[in-house]
């Protein structure tokens, strides 16, 4: 995942969480913090499907852990586009 591109998407509103985009626009980016909570160890033996399952599992762990008012969906992998 390209974190710089993901952040830029949120700032510009492209492929982004609309609620988070509006909050960044309203409060300015310097009022937000970005933390890397966990790194995914590279395992070259994982298939792309196994990698996606691992990433979604990691994401769900943190969605369950934090009360995040900016996340649109309570389930990992869900987007405003219904994916």
N, C-alpha and C. Protein backbone atom coordinates (compact mmCIF):
# COMPACT_ATOMS: atom_id res chain seq x y z
N UNK A 1 0.85 -1.17 0.00
CA UNK A 1 0.00 0.00 0.00
C UNK A 1 0.89 1.24 0.00
N UNK A 2 0.55 2.16 -0.81
CA UNK A 2 1.28 3.42 -0.88
C UNK A 2 0.60 4.41 0.06
N UNK A 3 1.20 4.61 1.25
CA UNK A 3 0.58 5.46 2.27
C UNK A 3 0.49 6.92 1.83
N UNK A 4 1.51 7.40 1.12
CA UNK A 4 1.47 8.79 0.64
C UNK A 4 0.31 8.99 -0.33
N UNK A 5 0.10 8.03 -1.22
CA UNK A 5 -1.00 8.14 -2.18
C UNK A 5 -2.35 8.07 -1.45
N UNK A 6 -2.45 7.20 -0.45
CA UNK A 6 -3.69 7.07 0.30
C UNK A 6 -4.02 8.37 1.03
N UNK A 7 -3.02 8.98 1.65
CA UNK A 7 -3.23 10.26 2.32
C UNK A 7 -3.65 11.34 1.33
N UNK A 8 -2.98 11.38 0.19
CA UNK A 8 -3.33 12.35 -0.84
C UNK A 8 -4.77 12.13 -1.33
N UNK A 9 -5.19 10.88 -1.44
CA UNK A 9 -6.57 10.58 -1.83
C UNK A 9 -7.56 11.17 -0.82
N UNK A 10 -7.24 11.06 0.47
CA UNK A 10 -8.13 11.60 1.50
C UNK A 10 -8.17 13.13 1.45
N UNK A 11 -7.03 13.74 1.20
CA UNK A 11 -6.98 15.20 1.14
C UNK A 11 -7.74 15.72 -0.07
N UNK A 12 -7.55 15.06 -1.21
CA UNK A 12 -8.18 15.53 -2.45
C UNK A 12 -9.62 15.04 -2.60
N UNK A 13 -10.00 14.02 -1.83
CA UNK A 13 -11.36 13.48 -1.93
C UNK A 13 -11.52 12.44 -3.02
N UNK A 14 -10.44 12.03 -3.65
CA UNK A 14 -10.51 11.01 -4.69
C UNK A 14 -10.39 9.63 -4.06
N UNK A 15 -11.31 8.73 -4.39
CA UNK A 15 -11.29 7.37 -3.84
C UNK A 15 -11.16 7.41 -2.33
N UNK A 16 -11.89 8.30 -1.69
CA UNK A 16 -11.69 8.55 -0.28
C UNK A 16 -12.99 8.43 0.50
N UNK A 17 -12.82 8.36 1.79
CA UNK A 17 -13.90 8.43 2.74
C UNK A 17 -14.38 9.89 2.76
N UNK A 18 -15.59 10.13 2.33
CA UNK A 18 -16.12 11.49 2.22
C UNK A 18 -16.16 12.21 3.58
N UNK A 19 -16.49 11.49 4.63
CA UNK A 19 -16.55 12.09 5.97
C UNK A 19 -15.16 12.56 6.39
N UNK A 20 -14.16 11.73 6.18
CA UNK A 20 -12.79 12.10 6.53
C UNK A 20 -12.31 13.25 5.66
N UNK A 21 -12.60 13.21 4.38
CA UNK A 21 -12.21 14.29 3.47
C UNK A 21 -12.79 15.63 3.93
N UNK A 22 -14.06 15.64 4.29
CA UNK A 22 -14.71 16.88 4.74
C UNK A 22 -14.11 17.37 6.06
N UNK A 23 -13.78 16.44 6.95
CA UNK A 23 -13.18 16.83 8.23
C UNK A 23 -11.80 17.44 8.01
N UNK A 24 -11.01 16.86 7.10
CA UNK A 24 -9.69 17.42 6.79
C UNK A 24 -9.85 18.82 6.19
N UNK A 25 -10.83 18.98 5.30
CA UNK A 25 -11.07 20.28 4.69
C UNK A 25 -11.51 21.31 5.74
N UNK A 26 -12.32 20.88 6.69
CA UNK A 26 -12.84 21.80 7.71
C UNK A 26 -11.80 22.17 8.77
N UNK A 27 -11.07 21.16 9.28
CA UNK A 27 -10.18 21.38 10.42
C UNK A 27 -8.71 21.55 10.03
N UNK A 28 -8.34 21.26 8.81
CA UNK A 28 -6.96 21.33 8.30
C UNK A 28 -6.18 20.08 8.70
N UNK A 29 -5.32 19.68 7.82
CA UNK A 29 -4.56 18.44 7.99
C UNK A 29 -3.70 18.45 9.25
N UNK A 30 -3.22 19.62 9.66
CA UNK A 30 -2.33 19.65 10.83
C UNK A 30 -3.06 19.32 12.14
N UNK A 31 -4.37 19.16 12.11
CA UNK A 31 -5.12 18.75 13.29
C UNK A 31 -5.33 17.24 13.34
N UNK A 32 -4.73 16.52 12.43
CA UNK A 32 -4.86 15.06 12.37
C UNK A 32 -3.49 14.42 12.55
N UNK A 33 -3.49 13.21 13.05
CA UNK A 33 -2.25 12.45 13.21
C UNK A 33 -2.38 11.14 12.46
N UNK A 34 -1.26 10.67 11.97
CA UNK A 34 -1.21 9.39 11.27
C UNK A 34 -0.23 8.51 12.02
N UNK A 35 -0.68 7.32 12.36
CA UNK A 35 0.16 6.36 13.07
C UNK A 35 0.16 5.04 12.31
N UNK A 36 1.30 4.43 12.23
CA UNK A 36 1.40 3.07 11.69
C UNK A 36 1.26 2.15 12.90
N UNK A 37 0.19 1.39 12.92
CA UNK A 37 -0.11 0.54 14.07
C UNK A 37 0.56 -0.82 13.99
N UNK A 38 0.78 -1.28 12.78
CA UNK A 38 1.34 -2.61 12.59
C UNK A 38 1.92 -2.70 11.19
N UNK A 39 3.02 -3.39 11.09
CA UNK A 39 3.62 -3.63 9.78
C UNK A 39 3.33 -5.06 9.36
N UNK A 40 3.05 -5.23 8.12
CA UNK A 40 2.82 -6.57 7.58
C UNK A 40 4.15 -7.14 7.13
N UNK A 41 4.60 -8.22 7.79
CA UNK A 41 5.86 -8.83 7.35
C UNK A 41 5.70 -9.37 5.94
N UNK A 42 6.68 -9.14 5.13
CA UNK A 42 6.63 -9.63 3.75
C UNK A 42 6.84 -11.13 3.73
N UNK A 43 5.90 -11.84 3.19
CA UNK A 43 5.99 -13.28 3.03
C UNK A 43 5.76 -13.57 1.56
N UNK A 44 6.81 -13.89 0.88
CA UNK A 44 6.73 -14.09 -0.57
C UNK A 44 5.93 -15.34 -0.94
N UNK A 45 5.60 -16.17 0.05
CA UNK A 45 4.86 -17.40 -0.24
C UNK A 45 3.35 -17.18 -0.25
N UNK A 46 2.90 -16.00 0.14
CA UNK A 46 1.46 -15.72 0.17
C UNK A 46 0.94 -15.44 -1.25
N UNK A 47 -0.21 -15.99 -1.55
CA UNK A 47 -0.88 -15.64 -2.80
C UNK A 47 -1.50 -14.26 -2.61
N UNK A 48 -1.92 -13.64 -3.69
CA UNK A 48 -2.55 -12.32 -3.57
C UNK A 48 -3.84 -12.42 -2.76
N UNK A 49 -4.55 -13.52 -2.87
CA UNK A 49 -5.78 -13.71 -2.09
C UNK A 49 -5.45 -13.86 -0.60
N UNK A 50 -4.41 -14.61 -0.27
CA UNK A 50 -4.00 -14.77 1.12
C UNK A 50 -3.52 -13.44 1.70
N UNK A 51 -2.83 -12.66 0.90
CA UNK A 51 -2.37 -11.34 1.33
C UNK A 51 -3.55 -10.44 1.63
N UNK A 52 -4.56 -10.45 0.76
CA UNK A 52 -5.75 -9.62 0.97
C UNK A 52 -6.48 -10.04 2.25
N UNK A 53 -6.61 -11.33 2.48
CA UNK A 53 -7.26 -11.81 3.71
C UNK A 53 -6.48 -11.36 4.93
N UNK A 54 -5.16 -11.44 4.87
CA UNK A 54 -4.31 -11.00 5.99
C UNK A 54 -4.49 -9.51 6.25
N UNK A 55 -4.48 -8.71 5.20
CA UNK A 55 -4.66 -7.26 5.35
C UNK A 55 -6.03 -6.91 5.92
N UNK A 56 -7.07 -7.57 5.43
CA UNK A 56 -8.42 -7.30 5.93
C UNK A 56 -8.55 -7.72 7.39
N UNK A 57 -7.92 -8.82 7.77
CA UNK A 57 -7.93 -9.27 9.16
C UNK A 57 -7.25 -8.25 10.07
N UNK A 58 -6.11 -7.74 9.62
CA UNK A 58 -5.39 -6.71 10.39
C UNK A 58 -6.25 -5.45 10.51
N UNK A 59 -6.85 -5.03 9.40
CA UNK A 59 -7.68 -3.83 9.42
C UNK A 59 -8.86 -4.01 10.37
N UNK A 60 -9.51 -5.16 10.33
CA UNK A 60 -10.67 -5.41 11.18
C UNK A 60 -10.29 -5.36 12.66
N UNK A 61 -9.11 -5.86 12.99
CA UNK A 61 -8.64 -5.83 14.38
C UNK A 61 -8.63 -4.40 14.90
N UNK A 62 -8.17 -3.45 14.10
CA UNK A 62 -8.09 -2.07 14.55
C UNK A 62 -9.44 -1.35 14.45
N UNK A 63 -10.27 -1.75 13.52
CA UNK A 63 -11.63 -1.19 13.48
C UNK A 63 -12.39 -1.57 14.74
N UNK A 64 -12.18 -2.80 15.21
CA UNK A 64 -12.85 -3.27 16.43
C UNK A 64 -12.26 -2.63 17.68
N UNK A 65 -11.00 -2.28 17.64
CA UNK A 65 -10.30 -1.75 18.80
C UNK A 65 -10.61 -0.29 19.08
N UNK A 66 -10.77 0.51 18.02
CA UNK A 66 -10.94 1.95 18.17
C UNK A 66 -12.37 2.37 17.85
N UNK A 67 -12.84 3.37 18.56
CA UNK A 67 -14.13 4.00 18.27
C UNK A 67 -13.84 5.14 17.30
N UNK A 68 -13.88 4.85 16.02
CA UNK A 68 -13.45 5.79 14.98
C UNK A 68 -14.67 6.43 14.32
N UNK A 69 -14.84 7.72 14.54
CA UNK A 69 -16.00 8.40 13.98
C UNK A 69 -15.85 8.72 12.49
N UNK A 70 -14.65 8.52 11.94
CA UNK A 70 -14.43 8.82 10.53
C UNK A 70 -14.54 7.61 9.62
N UNK A 71 -14.66 6.44 10.18
CA UNK A 71 -14.76 5.26 9.33
C UNK A 71 -16.21 5.07 8.91
N UNK A 72 -16.44 4.87 7.63
CA UNK A 72 -17.79 4.75 7.11
C UNK A 72 -18.42 3.40 7.45
N UNK A 73 -17.63 2.36 7.37
CA UNK A 73 -18.13 1.00 7.56
C UNK A 73 -17.46 0.33 8.74
N UNK A 74 -18.22 -0.43 9.54
CA UNK A 74 -17.60 -1.14 10.66
C UNK A 74 -16.85 -2.41 10.24
N UNK A 75 -16.98 -2.79 8.99
CA UNK A 75 -16.33 -4.01 8.50
C UNK A 75 -15.20 -3.67 7.54
N UNK A 76 -14.06 -4.30 7.73
CA UNK A 76 -12.90 -4.09 6.87
C UNK A 76 -13.23 -4.49 5.44
N UNK A 77 -12.71 -3.70 4.51
CA UNK A 77 -12.90 -3.99 3.09
C UNK A 77 -14.15 -3.38 2.49
N UNK A 78 -15.02 -2.83 3.32
CA UNK A 78 -16.22 -2.18 2.82
C UNK A 78 -15.91 -0.73 2.47
N UNK A 79 -16.47 -0.24 1.38
CA UNK A 79 -16.24 1.14 0.98
C UNK A 79 -17.57 1.82 0.71
N UNK A 80 -17.51 3.11 0.48
CA UNK A 80 -18.74 3.83 0.14
C UNK A 80 -19.27 3.40 -1.22
N UNK A 81 -18.45 2.70 -1.98
CA UNK A 81 -18.86 2.19 -3.28
C UNK A 81 -19.50 0.81 -3.16
N UNK A 82 -19.55 0.29 -1.93
CA UNK A 82 -20.21 -1.00 -1.71
C UNK A 82 -19.29 -2.19 -1.84
N UNK A 83 -17.97 -1.96 -2.02
CA UNK A 83 -17.04 -3.07 -2.20
C UNK A 83 -16.66 -3.78 -0.96
